[in-house]
Amino acid sequence: MTNSIAITLFFLIVAIFAVDHFWLHQDLPLIVAKSFDSFIEYLSFWR
């Protein structure tokens, strides 16, 4: 991954969270955290 791709992905993710915070009000960080927690639980099953 080149630096330009990494920077573009970073700004895209930040923009998605900013749009959610200012316009959508859907608590996207909380949804992502819960999904990540479920994913970790799924991976721990396969350990």
PDB file of N, CA and C in Angstrom:
ATOM      1  N   MET A   1       0.848  -1.177   0.000  1.00  0.00           N
ATOM      2  CA  MET A   1       0.000   0.000   0.000  1.00  0.00           C
ATOM      3  C   MET A   1       0.894   1.241   0.000  1.00  0.00           C
ATOM      4  N   THR A   2       0.639   2.105  -0.933  1.00  0.00           N
ATOM      5  CA  THR A   2       1.434   3.322  -1.012  1.00  0.00           C
ATOM      6  C   THR A   2       0.905   4.364  -0.030  1.00  0.00           C
ATOM      7  N   ASN A   3       1.713   5.388   0.202  1.00  0.00           N
ATOM      8  CA  ASN A   3       1.307   6.436   1.132  1.00  0.00           C
ATOM      9  C   ASN A   3       0.067   7.175   0.648  1.00  0.00           C
ATOM     10  N   SER A   4      -0.031   7.391  -0.637  1.00  0.00           N
ATOM     11  CA  SER A   4      -1.196   8.124  -1.155  1.00  0.00           C
ATOM     12  C   SER A   4      -2.486   7.330  -0.958  1.00  0.00           C
ATOM     13  N   ILE A   5      -2.426   6.024  -1.120  1.00  0.00           N
ATOM     14  CA  ILE A   5      -3.608   5.193  -0.882  1.00  0.00           C
ATOM     15  C   ILE A   5      -3.967   5.198   0.598  1.00  0.00           C
ATOM     16  N   ALA A   6      -2.983   5.095   1.462  1.00  0.00           N
ATOM     17  CA  ALA A   6      -3.239   5.101   2.903  1.00  0.00           C
ATOM     18  C   ALA A   6      -3.844   6.423   3.353  1.00  0.00           C
ATOM     19  N   ILE A   7      -3.328   7.522   2.844  1.00  0.00           N
ATOM     20  CA  ILE A   7      -3.859   8.836   3.218  1.00  0.00           C
ATOM     21  C   ILE A   7      -5.287   9.009   2.697  1.00  0.00           C
ATOM     22  N   THR A   8      -5.549   8.545   1.488  1.00  0.00           N
ATOM     23  CA  THR A   8      -6.892   8.626   0.926  1.00  0.00           C
ATOM     24  C   THR A   8      -7.882   7.807   1.739  1.00  0.00           C
ATOM     25  N   LEU A   9      -7.508   6.591   2.117  1.00  0.00           N
ATOM     26  CA  LEU A   9      -8.376   5.765   2.942  1.00  0.00           C
ATOM     27  C   LEU A   9      -8.623   6.392   4.311  1.00  0.00           C
ATOM     28  N   PHE A  10      -7.585   6.977   4.902  1.00  0.00           N
ATOM     29  CA  PHE A  10      -7.729   7.644   6.191  1.00  0.00           C
ATOM     30  C   PHE A  10      -8.738   8.786   6.107  1.00  0.00           C
ATOM     31  N   PHE A  11      -8.591   9.644   5.104  1.00  0.00           N
ATOM     32  CA  PHE A  11      -9.507  10.774   4.977  1.00  0.00           C
ATOM     33  C   PHE A  11     -10.925  10.323   4.622  1.00  0.00           C
ATOM     34  N   LEU A  12     -11.047   9.243   3.887  1.00  0.00           N
ATOM     35  CA  LEU A  12     -12.367   8.711   3.568  1.00  0.00           C
ATOM     36  C   LEU A  12     -13.069   8.205   4.828  1.00  0.00           C
ATOM     37  N   ILE A  13     -12.349   7.482   5.672  1.00  0.00           N
ATOM     38  CA  ILE A  13     -12.927   6.975   6.916  1.00  0.00           C
ATOM     39  C   ILE A  13     -13.288   8.124   7.850  1.00  0.00           C
ATOM     40  N   VAL A  14     -12.403   9.114   7.961  1.00  0.00           N
ATOM     41  CA  VAL A  14     -12.689  10.279   8.806  1.00  0.00           C
ATOM     42  C   VAL A  14     -13.909  11.026   8.273  1.00  0.00           C
ATOM     43  N   ALA A  15     -14.030  11.147   6.962  1.00  0.00           N
ATOM     44  CA  ALA A  15     -15.177  11.831   6.371  1.00  0.00           C
ATOM     45  C   ALA A  15     -16.482  11.085   6.659  1.00  0.00           C
ATOM     46  N   ILE A  16     -16.451   9.771   6.596  1.00  0.00           N
ATOM     47  CA  ILE A  16     -17.652   8.983   6.880  1.00  0.00           C
ATOM     48  C   ILE A  16     -18.091   9.192   8.326  1.00  0.00           C
ATOM     49  N   PHE A  17     -17.147   9.176   9.263  1.00  0.00           N
ATOM     50  CA  PHE A  17     -17.489   9.408  10.665  1.00  0.00           C
ATOM     51  C   PHE A  17     -17.967  10.836  10.892  1.00  0.00           C
ATOM     52  N   ALA A  18     -17.393  11.810  10.186  1.00  0.00           N
ATOM     53  CA  ALA A  18     -17.821  13.209  10.329  1.00  0.00           C
ATOM     54  C   ALA A  18     -19.238  13.399   9.790  1.00  0.00           C
ATOM     55  N   VAL A  19     -19.538  12.814   8.639  1.00  0.00           N
ATOM     56  CA  VAL A  19     -20.891  12.908   8.082  1.00  0.00           C
ATOM     57  C   VAL A  19     -21.893  12.271   9.038  1.00  0.00           C
ATOM     58  N   ASP A  20     -21.538  11.141   9.612  1.00  0.00           N
ATOM     59  CA  ASP A  20     -22.432  10.494  10.562  1.00  0.00           C
ATOM     60  C   ASP A  20     -22.643  11.374  11.793  1.00  0.00           C
ATOM     61  N   HIS A  21     -21.610  12.000  12.268  1.00  0.00           N
ATOM     62  CA  HIS A  21     -21.715  12.826  13.474  1.00  0.00           C
ATOM     63  C   HIS A  21     -22.556  14.077  13.234  1.00  0.00           C
ATOM     64  N   PHE A  22     -22.353  14.745  12.131  1.00  0.00           N
ATOM     65  CA  PHE A  22     -23.005  16.031  11.911  1.00  0.00           C
ATOM     66  C   PHE A  22     -24.375  15.933  11.232  1.00  0.00           C
ATOM     67  N   TRP A  23     -24.608  14.905  10.380  1.00  0.00           N
ATOM     68  CA  TRP A  23     -25.854  14.867   9.632  1.00  0.00           C
ATOM     69  C   TRP A  23     -26.712  13.643   9.931  1.00  0.00           C
ATOM     70  N   LEU A  24     -26.122  12.494  10.028  1.00  0.00           N
ATOM     71  CA  LEU A  24     -26.928  11.281  10.129  1.00  0.00           C
ATOM     72  C   LEU A  24     -27.354  10.938  11.555  1.00  0.00           C
ATOM     73  N   HIS A  25     -26.502  11.202  12.520  1.00  0.00           N
ATOM     74  CA  HIS A  25     -26.781  10.932  13.944  1.00  0.00           C
ATOM     75  C   HIS A  25     -27.192   9.473  14.175  1.00  0.00           C
ATOM     76  N   GLN A  26     -26.433   8.559  13.597  1.00  0.00           N
ATOM     77  CA  GLN A  26     -26.755   7.145  13.740  1.00  0.00           C
ATOM     78  C   GLN A  26     -25.759   6.402  14.630  1.00  0.00           C
ATOM     79  N   ASP A  27     -24.897   7.109  15.325  1.00  0.00           N
ATOM     80  CA  ASP A  27     -23.913   6.497  16.238  1.00  0.00           C
ATOM     81  C   ASP A  27     -23.070   5.435  15.543  1.00  0.00           C
ATOM     82  N   LEU A  28     -22.502   5.792  14.428  1.00  0.00           N
ATOM     83  CA  LEU A  28     -21.680   4.863  13.654  1.00  0.00           C
ATOM     84  C   LEU A  28     -20.492   4.308  14.450  1.00  0.00           C
ATOM     85  N   PRO A  29     -19.773   5.132  15.252  1.00  0.00           N
ATOM     86  CA  PRO A  29     -18.667   4.535  16.017  1.00  0.00           C
ATOM     87  C   PRO A  29     -19.124   3.437  16.970  1.00  0.00           C
ATOM     88  N   LEU A  30     -20.294   3.603  17.559  1.00  0.00           N
ATOM     89  CA  LEU A  30     -20.818   2.577  18.463  1.00  0.00           C
ATOM     90  C   LEU A  30     -21.181   1.305  17.693  1.00  0.00           C
ATOM     91  N   ILE A  31     -21.766   1.461  16.533  1.00  0.00           N
ATOM     92  CA  ILE A  31     -22.124   0.310  15.699  1.00  0.00           C
ATOM     93  C   ILE A  31     -20.864  -0.442  15.265  1.00  0.00           C
ATOM     94  N   VAL A  32     -19.833   0.308  14.879  1.00  0.00           N
ATOM     95  CA  VAL A  32     -18.578  -0.313  14.449  1.00  0.00           C
ATOM     96  C   VAL A  32     -17.924  -1.040  15.632  1.00  0.00           C
ATOM     97  N   ALA A  33     -17.959  -0.428  16.808  1.00  0.00           N
ATOM     98  CA  ALA A  33     -17.356  -1.054  17.993  1.00  0.00           C
ATOM     99  C   ALA A  33     -18.085  -2.347  18.353  1.00  0.00           C
ATOM    100  N   LYS A  34     -19.398  -2.343  18.295  1.00  0.00           N
ATOM    101  CA  LYS A  34     -20.156  -3.561  18.602  1.00  0.00           C
ATOM    102  C   LYS A  34     -19.880  -4.660  17.572  1.00  0.00           C
ATOM    103  N   SER A  35     -19.791  -4.264  16.303  1.00  0.00           N
ATOM    104  CA  SER A  35     -19.493  -5.248  15.264  1.00  0.00           C
ATOM    105  C   SER A  35     -18.090  -5.823  15.440  1.00  0.00           C
ATOM    106  N   PHE A  36     -17.140  -4.964  15.796  1.00  0.00           N
ATOM    107  CA  PHE A  36     -15.778  -5.429  16.014  1.00  0.00           C
ATOM    108  C   PHE A  36     -15.709  -6.369  17.211  1.00  0.00           C
ATOM    109  N   ASP A  37     -16.481  -6.070  18.257  1.00  0.00           N
ATOM    110  CA  ASP A  37     -16.523  -6.941  19.424  1.00  0.00           C
ATOM    111  C   ASP A  37     -17.094  -8.309  19.054  1.00  0.00           C
ATOM    112  N   SER A  38     -18.138  -8.326  18.261  1.00  0.00           N
ATOM    113  CA  SER A  38     -18.709  -9.597  17.809  1.00  0.00           C
ATOM    114  C   SER A  38     -17.715 -10.370  16.950  1.00  0.00           C
ATOM    115  N   PHE A  39     -16.974  -9.652  16.122  1.00  0.00           N
ATOM    116  CA  PHE A  39     -15.970 -10.290  15.283  1.00  0.00           C
ATOM    117  C   PHE A  39     -14.858 -10.912  16.130  1.00  0.00           C
ATOM    118  N   ILE A  40     -14.423 -10.218  17.175  1.00  0.00           N
ATOM    119  CA  ILE A  40     -13.400 -10.753  18.077  1.00  0.00           C
ATOM    120  C   ILE A  40     -13.918 -12.003  18.782  1.00  0.00           C
ATOM    121  N   GLU A  41     -15.169 -11.976  19.209  1.00  0.00           N
ATOM    122  CA  GLU A  41     -15.757 -13.162  19.832  1.00  0.00           C
ATOM    123  C   GLU A  41     -15.803 -14.330  18.850  1.00  0.00           C
ATOM    124  N   TYR A  42     -16.125 -14.058  17.602  1.00  0.00           N
ATOM    125  CA  TYR A  42     -16.156 -15.097  16.575  1.00  0.00           C
ATOM    126  C   TYR A  42     -14.761 -15.681  16.354  1.00  0.00           C
ATOM    127  N   LEU A  43     -13.753 -14.815  16.301  1.00  0.00           N
ATOM    128  CA  LEU A  43     -12.388 -15.297  16.098  1.00  0.00           C
ATOM    129  C   LEU A  43     -11.885 -16.095  17.297  1.00  0.00           C
ATOM    130  N   SER A  44     -12.286 -15.700  18.500  1.00  0.00           N
ATOM    131  CA  SER A  44     -11.826 -16.430  19.683  1.00  0.00           C
ATOM    132  C   SER A  44     -12.419 -17.840  19.721  1.00  0.00           C
ATOM    133  N   PHE A  45     -13.562 -18.028  19.095  1.00  0.00           N
ATOM    134  CA  PHE A  45     -14.147 -19.362  19.005  1.00  0.00           C
ATOM    135  C   PHE A  45     -13.254 -20.285  18.190  1.00  0.00           C
ATOM    136  N   TRP A  46     -12.629 -19.759  17.150  1.00  0.00           N
ATOM    137  CA  TRP A  46     -11.815 -20.571  16.254  1.00  0.00           C
ATOM    138  C   TRP A  46     -10.373 -20.724  16.733  1.00  0.00           C
ATOM    139  N   ARG A  47     -10.046 -20.178  17.870  1.00  0.00           N
ATOM    140  CA  ARG A  47      -8.682 -20.258  18.373  1.00  0.00           C
ATOM    141  C   ARG A  47      -8.327 -21.628  18.834  1.00  0.00           C
TER     142      ARG A  47
END
